[in-house]
Amino acid sequence: MEPFRSVRGGGARAWLAAAEASLLRSLVSQIMSLVEPDGDDDRPEPDDELAVLESMVHGPGADQPPEDPVLARLLPDGYRDDPEAAGEFRKYTEPALRSAKHAAAQEMLDTLPDAGGRIQLTQEQALSWLKALNDVRLALGVRLGVTEEFEEQWARLKPDDPQWTAFEVYAWLGAVQESLVQALH
């Protein structure tokens, strides 16, 4: 990958290899699937009209933190020490947060060339890329158990360890994100 460079008037440009574009497309698509609202499996029974209406607005179980650790990281509690306040906050904010994350990921996919090549982003598109890249890194970091000692964790792995490649991807995503941040400043 050619690092991102500033564009006169705002925004950034870069060049991606086909394999890099394919990897980004796959990872961002997975995030989109994760943050999509749940299906109808937890919908209340039709005889509870208030619960049905609330479920339509907020989604089923919207006041409960996600069980999936990745989703819990992407959709964190607003109040760590007060589960009741966290539930109320989540109920009213989670649908919009999911929607915003989904929109940022879609913007990234819309501006990502299928076969790689030149990318030119407006300031707004670049900010969507940063959000989507951050979500991908958070998700991958949770799955890998990444800590502040990331470099040491990675160094302990042997190149034939299946996690080694995932750590390499995590580091590469960080480099892409950093080059985009630098191009925007």
N, C-alpha and C. Protein backbone atom coordinates (compact mmCIF):
# COMPACT_ATOMS: atom_id res chain seq x y z
N MET A 1 0.84 -1.18 0.00
CA MET A 1 0.00 0.00 0.00
C MET A 1 0.88 1.23 0.00
N GLU A 2 0.48 2.16 -0.82
CA GLU A 2 1.08 3.49 -0.78
C GLU A 2 0.37 4.24 0.35
N PRO A 3 1.09 4.83 1.28
CA PRO A 3 0.43 5.53 2.39
C PRO A 3 -0.47 6.66 1.88
N PHE A 4 -1.44 7.02 2.70
CA PHE A 4 -2.31 8.14 2.36
C PHE A 4 -1.50 9.43 2.33
N ARG A 5 -1.87 10.28 1.40
CA ARG A 5 -1.26 11.61 1.26
C ARG A 5 -2.38 12.64 1.27
N SER A 6 -2.07 13.84 1.72
CA SER A 6 -3.04 14.92 1.73
C SER A 6 -3.41 15.31 0.31
N VAL A 7 -4.64 15.78 0.17
CA VAL A 7 -5.14 16.28 -1.10
C VAL A 7 -5.45 17.76 -0.91
N ARG A 8 -5.04 18.57 -1.86
CA ARG A 8 -5.32 20.00 -1.78
C ARG A 8 -6.82 20.21 -1.66
N GLY A 9 -7.23 21.02 -0.72
CA GLY A 9 -8.65 21.27 -0.48
C GLY A 9 -9.26 20.32 0.54
N GLY A 10 -8.46 19.43 1.09
CA GLY A 10 -8.95 18.49 2.10
C GLY A 10 -9.10 17.10 1.53
N GLY A 11 -9.08 16.14 2.40
CA GLY A 11 -9.19 14.76 1.97
C GLY A 11 -7.85 14.08 1.88
N ALA A 12 -7.84 12.90 1.27
CA ALA A 12 -6.62 12.11 1.19
C ALA A 12 -6.69 11.16 -0.01
N ARG A 13 -5.51 10.74 -0.43
CA ARG A 13 -5.44 9.77 -1.53
C ARG A 13 -4.40 8.72 -1.19
N ALA A 14 -4.59 7.53 -1.77
CA ALA A 14 -3.65 6.43 -1.56
C ALA A 14 -3.82 5.45 -2.71
N TRP A 15 -3.01 4.41 -2.67
CA TRP A 15 -3.11 3.34 -3.65
C TRP A 15 -3.07 2.03 -2.88
N LEU A 16 -4.02 1.13 -3.19
CA LEU A 16 -4.09 -0.18 -2.55
C LEU A 16 -3.92 -1.29 -3.58
N ALA A 17 -3.22 -2.33 -3.19
CA ALA A 17 -3.13 -3.53 -4.02
C ALA A 17 -4.49 -4.23 -3.97
N ALA A 18 -4.75 -5.07 -4.95
CA ALA A 18 -6.03 -5.79 -5.02
C ALA A 18 -6.26 -6.63 -3.76
N ALA A 19 -5.23 -7.30 -3.28
CA ALA A 19 -5.37 -8.14 -2.08
C ALA A 19 -5.70 -7.29 -0.86
N GLU A 20 -5.12 -6.11 -0.76
CA GLU A 20 -5.40 -5.21 0.36
C GLU A 20 -6.84 -4.72 0.31
N ALA A 21 -7.31 -4.36 -0.88
CA ALA A 21 -8.69 -3.91 -1.04
C ALA A 21 -9.65 -5.03 -0.69
N SER A 22 -9.34 -6.24 -1.11
CA SER A 22 -10.18 -7.40 -0.83
C SER A 22 -10.24 -7.67 0.68
N LEU A 23 -9.11 -7.58 1.34
CA LEU A 23 -9.06 -7.79 2.79
C LEU A 23 -9.89 -6.73 3.51
N LEU A 24 -9.71 -5.47 3.14
CA LEU A 24 -10.49 -4.40 3.78
C LEU A 24 -11.98 -4.61 3.54
N ARG A 25 -12.35 -4.96 2.32
CA ARG A 25 -13.76 -5.18 1.99
C ARG A 25 -14.34 -6.30 2.87
N SER A 26 -13.61 -7.38 3.02
CA SER A 26 -14.08 -8.49 3.83
C SER A 26 -14.23 -8.10 5.29
N LEU A 27 -13.23 -7.44 5.85
CA LEU A 27 -13.26 -7.06 7.27
C LEU A 27 -14.36 -6.05 7.56
N VAL A 28 -14.51 -5.06 6.69
CA VAL A 28 -15.53 -4.03 6.91
C VAL A 28 -16.93 -4.62 6.73
N SER A 29 -17.08 -5.53 5.80
CA SER A 29 -18.38 -6.19 5.61
C SER A 29 -18.77 -6.98 6.86
N GLN A 30 -17.79 -7.59 7.50
CA GLN A 30 -18.07 -8.33 8.74
C GLN A 30 -18.55 -7.40 9.84
N ILE A 31 -17.96 -6.22 9.92
CA ILE A 31 -18.38 -5.23 10.92
C ILE A 31 -19.81 -4.79 10.62
N MET A 32 -20.11 -4.57 9.35
CA MET A 32 -21.47 -4.17 8.99
C MET A 32 -22.48 -5.22 9.43
N SER A 33 -22.15 -6.48 9.22
CA SER A 33 -23.05 -7.57 9.63
C SER A 33 -23.21 -7.60 11.14
N LEU A 34 -22.13 -7.34 11.85
CA LEU A 34 -22.19 -7.35 13.32
C LEU A 34 -23.08 -6.26 13.89
N VAL A 35 -23.01 -5.06 13.32
CA VAL A 35 -23.74 -3.93 13.91
C VAL A 35 -25.15 -3.78 13.38
N GLU A 36 -25.54 -4.60 12.40
CA GLU A 36 -26.91 -4.54 11.92
C GLU A 36 -27.84 -4.92 13.06
N PRO A 37 -29.01 -4.30 13.10
CA PRO A 37 -29.97 -4.65 14.16
C PRO A 37 -30.30 -6.14 14.11
N ASP A 38 -30.57 -6.70 15.29
CA ASP A 38 -30.91 -8.12 15.39
C ASP A 38 -32.20 -8.40 14.64
N GLY A 39 -32.40 -9.67 14.35
CA GLY A 39 -33.62 -10.12 13.70
C GLY A 39 -34.81 -10.07 14.64
N ASP A 40 -35.89 -10.69 14.24
CA ASP A 40 -37.14 -10.64 14.98
C ASP A 40 -37.24 -11.69 16.07
N ASP A 41 -36.19 -12.47 16.32
CA ASP A 41 -36.29 -13.59 17.25
C ASP A 41 -36.61 -13.18 18.68
N ASP A 42 -36.31 -11.96 19.10
CA ASP A 42 -36.58 -11.54 20.47
C ASP A 42 -37.76 -10.58 20.57
N ARG A 43 -38.54 -10.46 19.51
CA ARG A 43 -39.67 -9.53 19.53
C ARG A 43 -40.72 -9.99 20.55
N PRO A 44 -41.33 -9.02 21.25
CA PRO A 44 -42.37 -9.37 22.22
C PRO A 44 -43.63 -9.87 21.52
N GLU A 45 -44.46 -10.54 22.29
CA GLU A 45 -45.73 -11.04 21.78
C GLU A 45 -46.64 -9.87 21.41
N PRO A 46 -47.46 -10.00 20.37
CA PRO A 46 -48.33 -8.91 19.92
C PRO A 46 -49.32 -8.41 20.97
N ASP A 47 -49.66 -9.18 22.01
CA ASP A 47 -50.63 -8.72 23.00
C ASP A 47 -50.04 -7.69 23.96
N ASP A 48 -48.73 -7.51 23.98
CA ASP A 48 -48.09 -6.49 24.81
C ASP A 48 -47.77 -5.29 23.91
N GLU A 49 -48.79 -4.44 23.67
CA GLU A 49 -48.68 -3.36 22.68
C GLU A 49 -47.55 -2.38 23.01
N LEU A 50 -47.38 -2.02 24.27
CA LEU A 50 -46.33 -1.08 24.64
C LEU A 50 -44.95 -1.68 24.35
N ALA A 51 -44.76 -2.94 24.69
CA ALA A 51 -43.48 -3.60 24.43
C ALA A 51 -43.23 -3.72 22.94
N VAL A 52 -44.29 -3.98 22.16
CA VAL A 52 -44.14 -4.07 20.71
C VAL A 52 -43.69 -2.72 20.15
N LEU A 53 -44.33 -1.63 20.59
CA LEU A 53 -43.95 -0.30 20.11
C LEU A 53 -42.53 0.06 20.50
N GLU A 54 -42.19 -0.21 21.75
CA GLU A 54 -40.83 0.10 22.21
C GLU A 54 -39.80 -0.73 21.44
N SER A 55 -40.11 -1.97 21.17
CA SER A 55 -39.21 -2.84 20.42
C SER A 55 -39.02 -2.32 19.00
N MET A 56 -40.08 -1.76 18.42
CA MET A 56 -39.98 -1.22 17.06
C MET A 56 -39.05 -0.01 17.04
N VAL A 57 -39.13 0.80 18.09
CA VAL A 57 -38.30 2.01 18.15
C VAL A 57 -36.87 1.68 18.55
N HIS A 58 -36.70 0.88 19.59
CA HIS A 58 -35.37 0.65 20.15
C HIS A 58 -34.76 -0.69 19.81
N GLY A 59 -35.56 -1.63 19.35
CA GLY A 59 -35.06 -2.96 19.07
C GLY A 59 -35.21 -3.83 20.30
N PRO A 60 -35.33 -5.14 20.09
CA PRO A 60 -35.52 -6.05 21.22
C PRO A 60 -34.29 -6.10 22.11
N GLY A 61 -34.51 -6.02 23.41
CA GLY A 61 -33.40 -6.14 24.35
C GLY A 61 -32.37 -5.03 24.25
N ALA A 62 -32.79 -3.87 23.72
CA ALA A 62 -31.83 -2.78 23.48
C ALA A 62 -31.25 -2.21 24.76
N ASP A 63 -31.85 -2.53 25.92
CA ASP A 63 -31.30 -2.00 27.16
C ASP A 63 -30.27 -2.95 27.78
N GLN A 64 -30.01 -4.07 27.14
CA GLN A 64 -29.04 -5.05 27.64
C GLN A 64 -27.74 -4.98 26.84
N PRO A 65 -26.60 -5.08 27.51
CA PRO A 65 -25.34 -5.08 26.76
C PRO A 65 -25.24 -6.34 25.90
N PRO A 66 -24.60 -6.24 24.76
CA PRO A 66 -24.44 -7.42 23.90
C PRO A 66 -23.64 -8.51 24.60
N GLU A 67 -23.98 -9.77 24.31
CA GLU A 67 -23.24 -10.89 24.88
C GLU A 67 -21.92 -11.11 24.15
N ASP A 68 -21.90 -10.83 22.86
CA ASP A 68 -20.68 -10.98 22.07
C ASP A 68 -19.66 -9.94 22.54
N PRO A 69 -18.46 -10.36 22.95
CA PRO A 69 -17.46 -9.41 23.45
C PRO A 69 -17.06 -8.34 22.42
N VAL A 70 -17.09 -8.70 21.14
CA VAL A 70 -16.77 -7.70 20.11
C VAL A 70 -17.84 -6.63 20.06
N LEU A 71 -19.10 -7.05 20.05
CA LEU A 71 -20.19 -6.07 20.05
C LEU A 71 -20.18 -5.24 21.33
N ALA A 72 -19.86 -5.87 22.45
CA ALA A 72 -19.78 -5.13 23.70
C ALA A 72 -18.70 -4.05 23.63
N ARG A 73 -17.63 -4.31 22.89
CA ARG A 73 -16.56 -3.32 22.72
C ARG A 73 -16.97 -2.22 21.74
N LEU A 74 -17.68 -2.62 20.68
CA LEU A 74 -18.13 -1.65 19.68
C LEU A 74 -19.30 -0.80 20.18
N LEU A 75 -20.08 -1.36 21.10
CA LEU A 75 -21.27 -0.68 21.64
C LEU A 75 -21.17 -0.67 23.16
N PRO A 76 -20.21 0.08 23.71
CA PRO A 76 -19.94 0.02 25.16
C PRO A 76 -21.05 0.65 26.00
N ASP A 77 -21.07 0.27 27.27
CA ASP A 77 -22.00 0.87 28.22
C ASP A 77 -21.66 2.34 28.42
N GLY A 78 -22.70 3.14 28.59
CA GLY A 78 -22.50 4.56 28.86
C GLY A 78 -22.14 4.84 30.31
N TYR A 79 -22.55 3.93 31.19
CA TYR A 79 -22.28 4.06 32.62
C TYR A 79 -21.78 2.72 33.13
N ARG A 80 -20.53 2.64 33.46
CA ARG A 80 -19.94 1.36 33.88
C ARG A 80 -20.36 0.95 35.29
N ASP A 81 -20.61 1.91 36.16
CA ASP A 81 -20.89 1.60 37.55
C ASP A 81 -22.37 1.60 37.89
N ASP A 82 -23.23 1.81 36.89
CA ASP A 82 -24.66 1.88 37.14
C ASP A 82 -25.40 1.13 36.03
N PRO A 83 -25.64 -0.17 36.23
CA PRO A 83 -26.28 -0.99 35.18
C PRO A 83 -27.64 -0.46 34.74
N GLU A 84 -28.41 0.10 35.69
CA GLU A 84 -29.74 0.60 35.32
C GLU A 84 -29.61 1.83 34.41
N ALA A 85 -28.75 2.77 34.78
CA ALA A 85 -28.53 3.96 33.93
C ALA A 85 -27.93 3.55 32.60
N ALA A 86 -27.02 2.57 32.62
CA ALA A 86 -26.41 2.08 31.38
C ALA A 86 -27.46 1.49 30.46
N GLY A 87 -28.42 0.75 31.04
CA GLY A 87 -29.49 0.16 30.25
C GLY A 87 -30.38 1.21 29.62
N GLU A 88 -30.73 2.22 30.39
CA GLU A 88 -31.55 3.32 29.85
C GLU A 88 -30.81 4.06 28.75
N PHE A 89 -29.54 4.36 29.00
CA PHE A 89 -28.73 5.06 28.00
C PHE A 89 -28.63 4.23 26.73
N ARG A 90 -28.36 2.94 26.88
CA ARG A 90 -28.22 2.03 25.74
C ARG A 90 -29.51 1.98 24.93
N LYS A 91 -30.63 1.91 25.62
CA LYS A 91 -31.92 1.77 24.95
C LYS A 91 -32.15 2.93 23.97
N TYR A 92 -31.72 4.13 24.35
CA TYR A 92 -31.98 5.30 23.52
C TYR A 92 -30.83 5.65 22.56
N THR A 93 -29.65 5.11 22.78
CA THR A 93 -28.52 5.49 21.93
C THR A 93 -28.02 4.38 21.02
N GLU A 94 -28.20 3.12 21.41
CA GLU A 94 -27.62 2.02 20.63
C GLU A 94 -28.12 1.97 19.19
N PRO A 95 -29.41 2.14 18.93
CA PRO A 95 -29.84 2.09 17.52
C PRO A 95 -29.13 3.12 16.65
N ALA A 96 -28.97 4.34 17.16
CA ALA A 96 -28.28 5.38 16.38
C ALA A 96 -26.79 5.06 16.24
N LEU A 97 -26.18 4.50 17.27
CA LEU A 97 -24.77 4.13 17.20
C LEU A 97 -24.56 3.03 16.17
N ARG A 98 -25.43 2.03 16.20
CA ARG A 98 -25.35 0.96 15.21
C ARG A 98 -25.49 1.52 13.80
N SER A 99 -26.45 2.39 13.63
CA SER A 99 -26.71 3.00 12.33
C SER A 99 -25.50 3.81 11.85
N ALA A 100 -24.90 4.57 12.74
CA ALA A 100 -23.74 5.38 12.38
C ALA A 100 -22.55 4.51 12.00
N LYS A 101 -22.33 3.44 12.74
CA LYS A 101 -21.23 2.53 12.42
C LYS A 101 -21.48 1.84 11.08
N HIS A 102 -22.71 1.45 10.85
CA HIS A 102 -23.07 0.80 9.59
C HIS A 102 -22.86 1.78 8.43
N ALA A 103 -23.28 3.03 8.60
CA ALA A 103 -23.14 4.05 7.55
C ALA A 103 -21.66 4.33 7.24
N ALA A 104 -20.83 4.42 8.27
CA ALA A 104 -19.40 4.66 8.04
C ALA A 104 -18.77 3.50 7.28
N ALA A 105 -19.14 2.28 7.65
CA ALA A 105 -18.62 1.11 6.96
C ALA A 105 -19.10 1.09 5.50
N GLN A 106 -20.36 1.44 5.28
CA GLN A 106 -20.89 1.47 3.91
C GLN A 106 -20.16 2.52 3.08
N GLU A 107 -19.89 3.68 3.68
CA GLU A 107 -19.16 4.74 2.98
C GLU A 107 -17.77 4.24 2.57
N MET A 108 -17.14 3.51 3.47
CA MET A 108 -15.82 2.96 3.15
C MET A 108 -15.93 1.98 1.98
N LEU A 109 -16.90 1.09 2.04
CA LEU A 109 -17.07 0.12 0.95
C LEU A 109 -17.39 0.82 -0.37
N ASP A 110 -18.19 1.87 -0.31
CA ASP A 110 -18.57 2.60 -1.52
C ASP A 110 -17.38 3.30 -2.18
N THR A 111 -16.36 3.62 -1.40
CA THR A 111 -15.20 4.36 -1.93
C THR A 111 -13.97 3.47 -2.10
N LEU A 112 -14.14 2.19 -1.82
CA LEU A 112 -13.03 1.23 -1.91
C LEU A 112 -13.10 0.53 -3.27
N PRO A 113 -12.09 0.73 -4.13
CA PRO A 113 -12.14 0.08 -5.44
C PRO A 113 -12.08 -1.44 -5.31
N ASP A 114 -12.96 -2.12 -6.04
CA ASP A 114 -13.04 -3.59 -5.96
C ASP A 114 -11.71 -4.27 -6.22
N ALA A 115 -10.99 -3.79 -7.22
CA ALA A 115 -9.74 -4.44 -7.63
C ALA A 115 -8.51 -3.71 -7.12
N GLY A 116 -8.69 -2.87 -6.11
CA GLY A 116 -7.56 -2.09 -5.62
C GLY A 116 -7.32 -0.92 -6.56
N GLY A 117 -6.19 -0.27 -6.35
CA GLY A 117 -5.87 0.88 -7.19
C GLY A 117 -5.95 2.17 -6.41
N ARG A 118 -6.15 3.25 -7.15
CA ARG A 118 -6.15 4.59 -6.58
C ARG A 118 -7.43 4.87 -5.79
N ILE A 119 -7.24 5.48 -4.63
CA ILE A 119 -8.35 5.91 -3.79
C ILE A 119 -8.19 7.40 -3.57
N GLN A 120 -9.24 8.15 -3.79
CA GLN A 120 -9.22 9.58 -3.47
C GLN A 120 -10.47 9.87 -2.65
N LEU A 121 -10.24 10.36 -1.43
CA LEU A 121 -11.33 10.57 -0.48
C LEU A 121 -11.50 12.03 -0.16
N THR A 122 -12.76 12.47 -0.04
CA THR A 122 -13.03 13.79 0.50
C THR A 122 -12.76 13.75 2.00
N GLN A 123 -12.79 14.88 2.62
CA GLN A 123 -12.60 14.94 4.08
C GLN A 123 -13.64 14.07 4.78
N GLU A 124 -14.90 14.19 4.37
CA GLU A 124 -15.98 13.42 4.99
C GLU A 124 -15.79 11.92 4.77
N GLN A 125 -15.42 11.52 3.57
CA GLN A 125 -15.19 10.10 3.29
C GLN A 125 -14.01 9.58 4.11
N ALA A 126 -12.97 10.39 4.24
CA ALA A 126 -11.80 9.98 5.02
C ALA A 126 -12.18 9.76 6.48
N LEU A 127 -13.05 10.62 7.02
CA LEU A 127 -13.49 10.44 8.40
C LEU A 127 -14.30 9.15 8.54
N SER A 128 -15.10 8.80 7.55
CA SER A 128 -15.83 7.53 7.58
C SER A 128 -14.84 6.36 7.55
N TRP A 129 -13.80 6.48 6.74
CA TRP A 129 -12.77 5.44 6.70
C TRP A 129 -12.14 5.27 8.08
N LEU A 130 -11.82 6.39 8.74
CA LEU A 130 -11.20 6.30 10.06
C LEU A 130 -12.12 5.59 11.05
N LYS A 131 -13.39 5.91 11.01
CA LYS A 131 -14.34 5.26 11.92
C LYS A 131 -14.44 3.77 11.63
N ALA A 132 -14.55 3.43 10.35
CA ALA A 132 -14.68 2.01 9.97
C ALA A 132 -13.40 1.24 10.30
N LEU A 133 -12.25 1.83 10.01
CA LEU A 133 -10.98 1.17 10.35
C LEU A 133 -10.86 0.97 11.85
N ASN A 134 -11.27 1.97 12.62
CA ASN A 134 -11.21 1.84 14.07
C ASN A 134 -12.09 0.69 14.55
N ASP A 135 -13.30 0.58 13.99
CA ASP A 135 -14.18 -0.51 14.39
C ASP A 135 -13.58 -1.88 14.03
N VAL A 136 -12.96 -1.97 12.86
CA VAL A 136 -12.33 -3.24 12.46
C VAL A 136 -11.20 -3.57 13.42
N ARG A 137 -10.38 -2.59 13.76
CA ARG A 137 -9.26 -2.83 14.68
C ARG A 137 -9.76 -3.21 16.08
N LEU A 138 -10.81 -2.54 16.55
CA LEU A 138 -11.37 -2.90 17.86
C LEU A 138 -11.86 -4.34 17.85
N ALA A 139 -12.60 -4.71 16.81
CA ALA A 139 -13.14 -6.07 16.72
C ALA A 139 -12.02 -7.10 16.66
N LEU A 140 -11.05 -6.87 15.81
CA LEU A 140 -9.94 -7.81 15.68
C LEU A 140 -9.13 -7.86 16.97
N GLY A 141 -8.93 -6.72 17.59
CA GLY A 141 -8.19 -6.67 18.85
C GLY A 141 -8.86 -7.48 19.95
N VAL A 142 -10.19 -7.41 20.02
CA VAL A 142 -10.92 -8.21 21.01
C VAL A 142 -10.75 -9.68 20.72
N ARG A 143 -10.93 -10.07 19.46
CA ARG A 143 -10.82 -11.49 19.09
C ARG A 143 -9.41 -12.04 19.35
N LEU A 144 -8.40 -11.19 19.17
CA LEU A 144 -7.01 -11.63 19.39
C LEU A 144 -6.55 -11.48 20.83
N GLY A 145 -7.33 -10.77 21.64
CA GLY A 145 -6.91 -10.52 23.03
C GLY A 145 -5.75 -9.54 23.09
N VAL A 146 -5.73 -8.59 22.16
CA VAL A 146 -4.64 -7.60 22.11
C VAL A 146 -4.67 -6.73 23.36
N THR A 147 -3.49 -6.49 23.91
CA THR A 147 -3.34 -5.62 25.07
C THR A 147 -2.39 -4.48 24.69
N GLU A 148 -2.06 -3.66 25.67
CA GLU A 148 -1.10 -2.57 25.42
C GLU A 148 0.27 -3.12 25.06
N GLU A 149 0.52 -4.36 25.38
CA GLU A 149 1.80 -5.01 25.06
C GLU A 149 1.70 -5.75 23.72
N PHE A 150 1.00 -5.16 22.76
CA PHE A 150 0.77 -5.78 21.46
C PHE A 150 2.05 -6.28 20.82
N GLU A 151 3.06 -5.43 20.78
CA GLU A 151 4.33 -5.80 20.13
C GLU A 151 4.94 -7.04 20.77
N GLU A 152 4.89 -7.11 22.10
CA GLU A 152 5.43 -8.27 22.80
C GLU A 152 4.58 -9.52 22.54
N GLN A 153 3.26 -9.34 22.50
CA GLN A 153 2.37 -10.47 22.20
C GLN A 153 2.70 -11.04 20.82
N TRP A 154 2.85 -10.16 19.86
CA TRP A 154 3.13 -10.57 18.48
C TRP A 154 4.51 -11.23 18.39
N ALA A 155 5.49 -10.66 19.08
CA ALA A 155 6.86 -11.19 19.03
C ALA A 155 6.94 -12.60 19.62
N ARG A 156 6.06 -12.93 20.55
CA ARG A 156 6.07 -14.28 21.14
C ARG A 156 5.52 -15.34 20.18
N LEU A 157 4.82 -14.92 19.15
CA LEU A 157 4.24 -15.87 18.20
C LEU A 157 5.27 -16.29 17.16
N LYS A 158 5.19 -17.52 16.73
CA LYS A 158 6.04 -18.00 15.64
C LYS A 158 5.31 -17.76 14.33
N PRO A 159 6.03 -17.50 13.23
CA PRO A 159 5.37 -17.21 11.95
C PRO A 159 4.40 -18.29 11.47
N ASP A 160 4.56 -19.54 11.93
CA ASP A 160 3.63 -20.58 11.51
C ASP A 160 2.40 -20.68 12.43
N ASP A 161 2.35 -19.86 13.49
CA ASP A 161 1.18 -19.81 14.37
C ASP A 161 0.04 -19.14 13.60
N PRO A 162 -1.16 -19.73 13.62
CA PRO A 162 -2.29 -19.14 12.89
C PRO A 162 -2.60 -17.70 13.31
N GLN A 163 -2.31 -17.36 14.55
CA GLN A 163 -2.58 -15.99 15.01
C GLN A 163 -1.56 -14.98 14.50
N TRP A 164 -0.40 -15.46 14.07
CA TRP A 164 0.64 -14.54 13.62
C TRP A 164 0.13 -13.66 12.49
N THR A 165 -0.54 -14.27 11.51
CA THR A 165 -1.06 -13.51 10.37
C THR A 165 -2.12 -12.50 10.83
N ALA A 166 -2.97 -12.90 11.76
CA ALA A 166 -3.99 -11.98 12.27
C ALA A 166 -3.34 -10.79 12.97
N PHE A 167 -2.27 -11.03 13.71
CA PHE A 167 -1.54 -9.92 14.34
C PHE A 167 -0.91 -9.02 13.28
N GLU A 168 -0.42 -9.62 12.22
CA GLU A 168 0.16 -8.85 11.12
C GLU A 168 -0.91 -7.96 10.47
N VAL A 169 -2.11 -8.51 10.28
CA VAL A 169 -3.21 -7.73 9.72
C VAL A 169 -3.58 -6.59 10.67
N TYR A 170 -3.62 -6.88 11.96
CA TYR A 170 -3.94 -5.85 12.96
C TYR A 170 -2.92 -4.71 12.88
N ALA A 171 -1.64 -5.05 12.79
CA ALA A 171 -0.60 -4.02 12.69
C ALA A 171 -0.74 -3.23 11.39
N TRP A 172 -1.02 -3.93 10.29
CA TRP A 172 -1.19 -3.25 9.00
C TRP A 172 -2.36 -2.28 9.05
N LEU A 173 -3.48 -2.70 9.66
CA LEU A 173 -4.63 -1.81 9.79
C LEU A 173 -4.26 -0.55 10.58
N GLY A 174 -3.44 -0.73 11.60
CA GLY A 174 -2.97 0.41 12.38
C GLY A 174 -2.14 1.36 11.53
N ALA A 175 -1.30 0.81 10.66
CA ALA A 175 -0.48 1.64 9.78
C ALA A 175 -1.34 2.39 8.77
N VAL A 176 -2.36 1.72 8.23
CA VAL A 176 -3.29 2.38 7.29
C VAL A 176 -4.00 3.52 8.00
N GLN A 177 -4.49 3.24 9.19
CA GLN A 177 -5.21 4.25 9.97
C GLN A 177 -4.29 5.43 10.30
N GLU A 178 -3.08 5.13 10.73
CA GLU A 178 -2.14 6.20 11.07
C GLU A 178 -1.79 7.06 9.86
N SER A 179 -1.59 6.44 8.71
CA SER A 179 -1.24 7.24 7.53
C SER A 179 -2.42 8.13 7.13
N LEU A 180 -3.64 7.66 7.32
CA LEU A 180 -4.81 8.49 7.00
C LEU A 180 -4.94 9.65 7.99
N VAL A 181 -4.71 9.38 9.26
CA VAL A 181 -4.75 10.46 10.26
C VAL A 181 -3.70 11.53 9.91
N GLN A 182 -2.50 11.11 9.59
CA GLN A 182 -1.43 12.06 9.26
C GLN A 182 -1.75 12.84 7.99
N ALA A 183 -2.38 12.20 7.02
CA ALA A 183 -2.73 12.91 5.79
C ALA A 183 -3.80 13.96 6.02
N LEU A 184 -4.62 13.76 7.02
CA LEU A 184 -5.69 14.73 7.30
C LEU A 184 -5.25 15.90 8.16
N HIS A 185 -4.04 15.81 8.72
CA HIS A 185 -3.55 16.93 9.57
C HIS A 185 -2.60 17.81 8.83
